[in-house]
């Protein structure tokens, strides 16, 4: 099976009384270790709804999409290992030089596209 990967990094300004953090935590914690593609889709849809409802909290962000099987598997493994090992600070943005600025600039367009696709 061919794989691709979509990664989204967001920096949000969360206040102590804000519920978004706890809602996202509950969503992740409630996900079983094994689930169907349909259940995973519902979880992603719910996470998208929570983030879109709090778009005013977004400070910065970037995203990547790779439709390349080897790159997708390699990046996924790197991301998973980063959760259990010390990855360190990036010395420069990932991607080609100059690509970071474009991806950051396109973040609002990405969310408009997600909103339109989800019917929100």
C-alpha atoms as a PDB file:
ATOM      1  CA  UNK A   1       0.000   0.000   0.000  1.00  0.00           C
ATOM      2  CA  UNK A   2       1.287   3.474  -0.908  1.00  0.00           C
ATOM      3  CA  UNK A   3       1.541   5.961   1.973  1.00  0.00           C
ATOM      4  CA  UNK A   4       1.521   9.725   2.204  1.00  0.00           C
ATOM      5  CA  UNK A   5       1.871  12.006   5.196  1.00  0.00           C
ATOM      6  CA  UNK A   6       0.260  15.254   6.263  1.00  0.00           C
ATOM      7  CA  UNK A   7       1.808  17.036   9.244  1.00  0.00           C
ATOM      8  CA  UNK A   8       0.537  20.190  10.883  1.00  0.00           C
ATOM      9  CA  UNK A   9       2.312  22.186  13.558  1.00  0.00           C
ATOM     10  CA  UNK A  10       0.441  24.977  15.333  1.00  0.00           C
ATOM     11  CA  UNK A  11       1.426  27.462  17.977  1.00  0.00           C
ATOM     12  CA  UNK A  12      -1.644  28.562  19.937  1.00  0.00           C
ATOM     13  CA  UNK A  13      -1.924  31.040  22.777  1.00  0.00           C
ATOM     14  CA  UNK A  14      -3.860  29.110  25.430  1.00  0.00           C
ATOM     15  CA  UNK A  15      -5.049  30.765  28.618  1.00  0.00           C
ATOM     16  CA  UNK A  16      -5.355  28.662  31.825  1.00  0.00           C
ATOM     17  CA  UNK A  17      -9.164  28.717  31.702  1.00  0.00           C
ATOM     18  CA  UNK A  18      -9.283  27.683  28.030  1.00  0.00           C
ATOM     19  CA  UNK A  19     -10.948  24.302  27.384  1.00  0.00           C
ATOM     20  CA  UNK A  20      -9.238  23.502  24.067  1.00  0.00           C
ATOM     21  CA  UNK A  21      -6.226  21.824  25.682  1.00  0.00           C
ATOM     22  CA  UNK A  22      -8.388  19.509  27.810  1.00  0.00           C
ATOM     23  CA  UNK A  23     -10.725  18.763  24.880  1.00  0.00           C
ATOM     24  CA  UNK A  24      -7.794  17.771  22.653  1.00  0.00           C
ATOM     25  CA  UNK A  25      -6.245  15.741  25.474  1.00  0.00           C
ATOM     26  CA  UNK A  26      -9.544  13.873  26.002  1.00  0.00           C
ATOM     27  CA  UNK A  27      -9.804  13.201  22.285  1.00  0.00           C
ATOM     28  CA  UNK A  28      -6.309  11.721  22.099  1.00  0.00           C
ATOM     29  CA  UNK A  29      -6.641   9.761  25.354  1.00  0.00           C
ATOM     30  CA  UNK A  30      -9.961   8.236  24.258  1.00  0.00           C
ATOM     31  CA  UNK A  31      -8.506   6.854  21.027  1.00  0.00           C
ATOM     32  CA  UNK A  32      -8.011   3.089  21.336  1.00  0.00           C
ATOM     33  CA  UNK A  33      -4.699   1.516  20.371  1.00  0.00           C
ATOM     34  CA  UNK A  34      -6.486  -0.321  17.523  1.00  0.00           C
ATOM     35  CA  UNK A  35      -9.352   1.237  15.601  1.00  0.00           C
ATOM     36  CA  UNK A  36     -11.032   1.227  12.228  1.00  0.00           C
ATOM     37  CA  UNK A  37     -10.248   3.740   9.478  1.00  0.00           C
ATOM     38  CA  UNK A  38     -13.760   5.135   9.987  1.00  0.00           C
ATOM     39  CA  UNK A  39     -13.153   5.747  13.696  1.00  0.00           C
ATOM     40  CA  UNK A  40      -9.809   7.393  12.942  1.00  0.00           C
ATOM     41  CA  UNK A  41     -11.546   9.631  10.391  1.00  0.00           C
ATOM     42  CA  UNK A  42     -14.110  10.657  13.026  1.00  0.00           C
ATOM     43  CA  UNK A  43     -11.336  11.464  15.496  1.00  0.00           C
ATOM     44  CA  UNK A  44      -9.540  13.603  12.907  1.00  0.00           C
ATOM     45  CA  UNK A  45     -12.817  15.325  12.010  1.00  0.00           C
ATOM     46  CA  UNK A  46     -13.446  16.136  15.693  1.00  0.00           C
ATOM     47  CA  UNK A  47      -9.886  17.468  16.143  1.00  0.00           C
ATOM     48  CA  UNK A  48     -10.374  19.619  13.024  1.00  0.00           C
ATOM     49  CA  UNK A  49     -13.648  20.991  14.383  1.00  0.00           C
ATOM     50  CA  UNK A  50     -12.027  21.857  17.724  1.00  0.00           C
ATOM     51  CA  UNK A  51      -9.110  23.618  16.036  1.00  0.00           C
ATOM     52  CA  UNK A  52     -11.286  25.521  13.570  1.00  0.00           C
ATOM     53  CA  UNK A  53     -13.568  26.672  16.382  1.00  0.00           C
ATOM     54  CA  UNK A  54     -10.480  28.151  18.070  1.00  0.00           C
ATOM     55  CA  UNK A  55      -8.717  29.561  15.012  1.00  0.00           C
ATOM     56  CA  UNK A  56      -8.484  32.953  16.745  1.00  0.00           C
ATOM     57  CA  UNK A  57      -5.885  31.421  19.106  1.00  0.00           C
ATOM     58  CA  UNK A  58      -3.460  30.543  16.285  1.00  0.00           C
ATOM     59  CA  UNK A  59      -0.188  32.444  16.498  1.00  0.00           C
ATOM     60  CA  UNK A  60       1.975  30.611  13.945  1.00  0.00           C
ATOM     61  CA  UNK A  61       2.136  27.301  12.178  1.00  0.00           C
ATOM     62  CA  UNK A  62       3.342  25.308   9.230  1.00  0.00           C
ATOM     63  CA  UNK A  63       2.357  22.162   7.393  1.00  0.00           C
ATOM     64  CA  UNK A  64       3.865  19.491   5.175  1.00  0.00           C
ATOM     65  CA  UNK A  65       2.339  17.022   2.766  1.00  0.00           C
ATOM     66  CA  UNK A  66       4.375  14.345   0.996  1.00  0.00           C
ATOM     67  CA  UNK A  67       2.791  11.931  -1.439  1.00  0.00           C
ATOM     68  CA  UNK A  68       5.864   9.732  -1.547  1.00  0.00           C
ATOM     69  CA  UNK A  69       5.815   6.332   0.142  1.00  0.00           C
ATOM     70  CA  UNK A  70       9.460   6.309   1.313  1.00  0.00           C
ATOM     71  CA  UNK A  71       9.336   9.909   2.545  1.00  0.00           C
ATOM     72  CA  UNK A  72       6.015   9.336   4.321  1.00  0.00           C
ATOM     73  CA  UNK A  73       7.277   6.262   6.170  1.00  0.00           C
ATOM     74  CA  UNK A  74      10.594   7.911   7.064  1.00  0.00           C
ATOM     75  CA  UNK A  75       8.956  11.111   8.341  1.00  0.00           C
ATOM     76  CA  UNK A  76       6.318   9.179  10.286  1.00  0.00           C
ATOM     77  CA  UNK A  77       8.998   7.065  12.004  1.00  0.00           C
ATOM     78  CA  UNK A  78      11.046  10.197  12.744  1.00  0.00           C
ATOM     79  CA  UNK A  79       7.988  11.888  14.266  1.00  0.00           C
ATOM     80  CA  UNK A  80       7.087   8.834  16.376  1.00  0.00           C
ATOM     81  CA  UNK A  81      10.666   8.467  17.624  1.00  0.00           C
ATOM     82  CA  UNK A  82      10.687  12.169  18.489  1.00  0.00           C
ATOM     83  CA  UNK A  83       7.916  11.474  20.968  1.00  0.00           C
ATOM     84  CA  UNK A  84      10.139   9.111  22.972  1.00  0.00           C
ATOM     85  CA  UNK A  85      13.642  10.493  22.339  1.00  0.00           C
ATOM     86  CA  UNK A  86      15.202  13.928  22.623  1.00  0.00           C
ATOM     87  CA  UNK A  87      15.078  15.384  19.141  1.00  0.00           C
ATOM     88  CA  UNK A  88      16.667  18.743  19.821  1.00  0.00           C
ATOM     89  CA  UNK A  89      15.921  22.129  18.327  1.00  0.00           C
ATOM     90  CA  UNK A  90      15.801  22.412  14.544  1.00  0.00           C
ATOM     91  CA  UNK A  91      18.669  24.460  13.210  1.00  0.00           C
ATOM     92  CA  UNK A  92      16.529  25.563  10.260  1.00  0.00           C
ATOM     93  CA  UNK A  93      12.993  24.989   8.978  1.00  0.00           C
ATOM     94  CA  UNK A  94      12.357  21.643   7.290  1.00  0.00           C
ATOM     95  CA  UNK A  95      11.928  21.692   3.534  1.00  0.00           C
ATOM     96  CA  UNK A  96      13.743  23.595   0.831  1.00  0.00           C
ATOM     97  CA  UNK A  97      15.196  27.070   1.500  1.00  0.00           C
ATOM     98  CA  UNK A  98      12.456  29.680   1.313  1.00  0.00           C
ATOM     99  CA  UNK A  99       9.724  27.034   1.477  1.00  0.00           C
ATOM    100  CA  UNK A 100       9.043  27.696   5.195  1.00  0.00           C
ATOM    101  CA  UNK A 101       7.829  31.238   4.575  1.00  0.00           C
ATOM    102  CA  UNK A 102       5.437  30.044   1.877  1.00  0.00           C
ATOM    103  CA  UNK A 103       4.032  27.239   4.064  1.00  0.00           C
ATOM    104  CA  UNK A 104       3.530  29.603   6.997  1.00  0.00           C
ATOM    105  CA  UNK A 105       1.856  32.151   4.752  1.00  0.00           C
ATOM    106  CA  UNK A 106      -0.428  29.468   3.282  1.00  0.00           C
ATOM    107  CA  UNK A 107      -1.684  28.295   6.691  1.00  0.00           C
ATOM    108  CA  UNK A 108      -4.891  30.400   6.533  1.00  0.00           C
ATOM    109  CA  UNK A 109      -5.547  29.048   3.030  1.00  0.00           C
ATOM    110  CA  UNK A 110      -5.048  25.505   4.317  1.00  0.00           C
ATOM    111  CA  UNK A 111      -7.698  26.028   7.001  1.00  0.00           C
ATOM    112  CA  UNK A 112     -10.108  27.602   4.518  1.00  0.00           C
ATOM    113  CA  UNK A 113      -9.706  24.492   2.365  1.00  0.00           C
ATOM    114  CA  UNK A 114     -10.256  22.183   5.345  1.00  0.00           C
ATOM    115  CA  UNK A 115     -13.341  24.150   6.387  1.00  0.00           C
ATOM    116  CA  UNK A 116     -14.798  23.954   2.867  1.00  0.00           C
ATOM    117  CA  UNK A 117     -14.044  20.225   2.552  1.00  0.00           C
ATOM    118  CA  UNK A 118     -15.607  19.429   5.929  1.00  0.00           C
ATOM    119  CA  UNK A 119     -18.689  21.564   5.309  1.00  0.00           C
ATOM    120  CA  UNK A 120     -18.014  23.595   8.500  1.00  0.00           C
END
